[in-house]
Protein backbone atom coordinates (compact mmCIF):
# COMPACT_ATOMS: atom_id res chain seq x y z
CA MET A 1 -0.09 0.04 -0.10
CA SER A 2 1.29 3.49 -0.96
CA LEU A 3 2.05 5.91 1.78
CA GLU A 4 -0.29 8.28 0.52
CA LEU A 5 -3.24 5.70 0.59
CA GLN A 6 -2.32 4.86 4.16
CA LYS A 7 -2.52 8.25 5.18
CA ARG A 8 -6.00 8.60 3.71
CA GLU A 9 -7.24 5.43 5.33
CA LYS A 10 -6.00 6.61 8.46
CA ARG A 11 -7.69 9.81 8.34
CA VAL A 12 -11.07 7.99 7.03
CA ASN A 13 -10.64 6.01 10.22
CA GLU A 14 -10.35 8.87 12.29
CA LEU A 15 -13.23 10.54 11.14
CA GLU A 16 -15.39 7.38 11.25
CA GLN A 17 -14.29 7.41 15.12
CA ILE A 18 -15.15 10.97 15.41
CA ILE A 19 -18.78 10.36 13.86
CA ALA A 20 -19.21 7.21 15.94
CA ASN A 21 -18.48 9.21 19.21
CA LYS A 22 -20.92 11.98 18.40
CA ASP A 23 -23.40 9.48 17.45
CA ALA A 24 -23.06 7.73 20.72
CA ILE A 25 -23.15 11.11 22.84
CA VAL A 26 -26.41 12.29 21.00
CA ARG A 27 -28.13 8.64 21.47
CA ALA A 28 -26.85 8.93 25.40
CA LEU A 29 -28.58 12.48 25.41
CA LYS A 30 -31.76 11.37 23.95
CA GLU A 31 -31.97 8.43 26.39
CA LYS A 32 -31.32 10.54 29.28
CA VAL A 33 -34.03 13.01 28.07
CA ALA A 34 -36.58 10.27 27.40
CA ASN A 35 -35.89 8.50 30.73
CA ALA A 36 -36.38 11.83 32.65
CA LEU A 37 -39.50 12.59 30.91
CA LEU A 38 -41.00 9.09 30.97
CA GLY A 39 -43.80 10.09 33.11
CA PHE A 40 -45.06 12.56 30.54
CA ARG A 41 -45.24 10.19 27.26
CA ASP A 42 -48.84 9.66 27.70
CA LYS A 43 -49.48 13.27 27.98
CA GLY A 44 -48.23 14.43 24.85
CA LEU A 45 -44.68 14.38 24.94
CA SER A 46 -42.21 12.62 22.67
CA VAL A 47 -38.50 12.48 22.34
CA VAL A 48 -36.88 11.49 18.92
CA GLU A 49 -33.25 11.41 17.43
CA LYS A 50 -33.14 12.71 13.96
CA ASP A 51 -30.34 13.66 11.77
CA GLY A 52 -27.78 13.87 14.86
CA LYS A 53 -30.13 15.72 16.95
CA VAL A 54 -32.47 15.30 19.59
CA TYR A 55 -36.01 16.55 19.47
CA VAL A 56 -38.38 16.81 22.33
CA SER A 57 -41.92 17.59 21.32
CA MET A 58 -44.65 18.66 23.75
CA ASP A 59 -48.21 18.96 22.85
CA ALA A 60 -49.86 22.45 23.81
CA LYS A 61 -52.25 20.64 25.95
CA LEU A 62 -49.44 19.43 28.16
CA LEU A 63 -48.06 23.13 28.45
CA PHE A 64 -51.30 25.26 28.39
CA ALA A 65 -54.73 25.32 29.22
CA SER A 66 -56.84 26.19 25.87
CA GLY A 67 -56.32 29.42 24.59
CA SER A 68 -53.86 30.52 27.28
CA THR A 69 -50.20 31.39 27.06
CA LYS A 70 -49.59 30.87 30.80
CA VAL A 71 -47.64 27.39 31.29
CA ASP A 72 -49.73 25.48 33.59
CA ALA A 73 -48.53 23.14 36.56
CA GLU A 74 -48.17 20.17 34.57
CA GLY A 75 -46.21 21.93 31.80
CA ILE A 76 -43.99 23.57 34.29
CA LYS A 77 -43.09 20.19 35.86
CA ALA A 78 -42.08 18.67 32.28
CA LEU A 79 -40.16 21.73 31.56
CA LYS A 80 -38.21 21.62 34.82
CA GLU A 81 -37.32 17.82 34.38
CA LEU A 82 -36.04 18.67 30.82
CA ALA A 83 -34.06 21.70 32.18
CA LYS A 84 -32.56 19.44 34.86
CA VAL A 85 -31.30 16.89 32.12
CA LEU A 86 -30.04 19.86 30.07
CA GLU A 87 -28.19 21.97 32.59
CA ASP A 88 -25.12 19.81 32.97
CA GLN A 89 -24.72 19.13 29.05
CA GLN A 90 -22.03 20.94 27.48
CA ASP A 91 -21.93 22.63 23.82
CA LEU A 92 -25.92 22.41 23.29
CA GLU A 93 -27.65 24.36 20.74
CA ILE A 94 -31.27 24.59 21.87
CA LEU A 95 -34.04 25.86 19.68
CA VAL A 96 -37.36 26.47 21.26
CA GLU A 97 -40.09 26.42 18.61
CA GLY A 98 -43.81 26.58 19.07
CA HIS A 99 -47.33 26.65 17.13
CA THR A 100 -50.81 27.44 18.58
CA CYS A 101 -54.20 26.49 17.41
CA MET A 102 -55.63 28.09 14.18
CA ASN A 103 -59.04 29.12 15.74
CA ILE A 104 -58.11 32.77 16.37
CA SER A 105 -57.10 35.69 14.21
CA ARG A 106 -53.62 35.81 12.98
CA VAL A 107 -52.18 38.69 14.74
CA THR A 108 -53.68 37.19 17.97
CA ARG A 109 -52.29 33.86 17.06
CA TYR A 110 -48.90 35.33 16.27
CA PHE A 111 -48.76 37.00 19.95
CA LYS A 112 -50.09 34.02 21.67
CA ASN A 113 -47.71 31.83 19.85
CA TYR A 114 -44.55 34.28 20.82
CA MET A 115 -46.08 34.69 24.35
CA GLY A 116 -46.39 30.83 24.76
CA ILE A 117 -42.85 30.03 23.38
CA PHE A 118 -41.32 32.67 25.70
CA ASN A 119 -43.02 31.36 28.77
CA ALA A 120 -42.17 27.80 28.05
CA ALA A 121 -38.56 28.84 27.26
CA TYR A 122 -38.38 30.65 30.61
CA TYR A 123 -38.94 27.53 32.52
CA ILE A 124 -36.15 25.78 30.47
CA PHE A 125 -33.60 28.29 30.83
CA ASN A 126 -34.42 29.61 34.46
CA PRO A 127 -35.66 26.42 36.46
CA ALA A 128 -34.05 27.43 39.55
CA LEU A 129 -36.09 30.87 39.59
CA VAL A 130 -39.54 29.08 39.47
CA ASP A 131 -41.14 27.38 42.27
């Protein structure tokens, strides 16, 4: 085998190891999040691994009363559990996204969606401040 081919093979092996390590970290995070939120699965919560990322989906009914932007007690509990898992993780990129029901006007829906997302994110990023 030529020296150049050996160098390429070595580099490919290194890159494959890096990818395998990253995948293992993502799988471990997914399992940790899923286990922490196990009690909420039948209440509209799911944890999925896709494209090297972990997605946590919470139904609006878990977080809010119908038509409200205030996170209710069960939603706070779920968000605090999620925050506990995330607080000791390093180098995470967290995106909070939300959608609301379609039975209200467009402007009101936009505002309610924004406020609901803000309120939910507050509990994720400031769990120690909330009782």
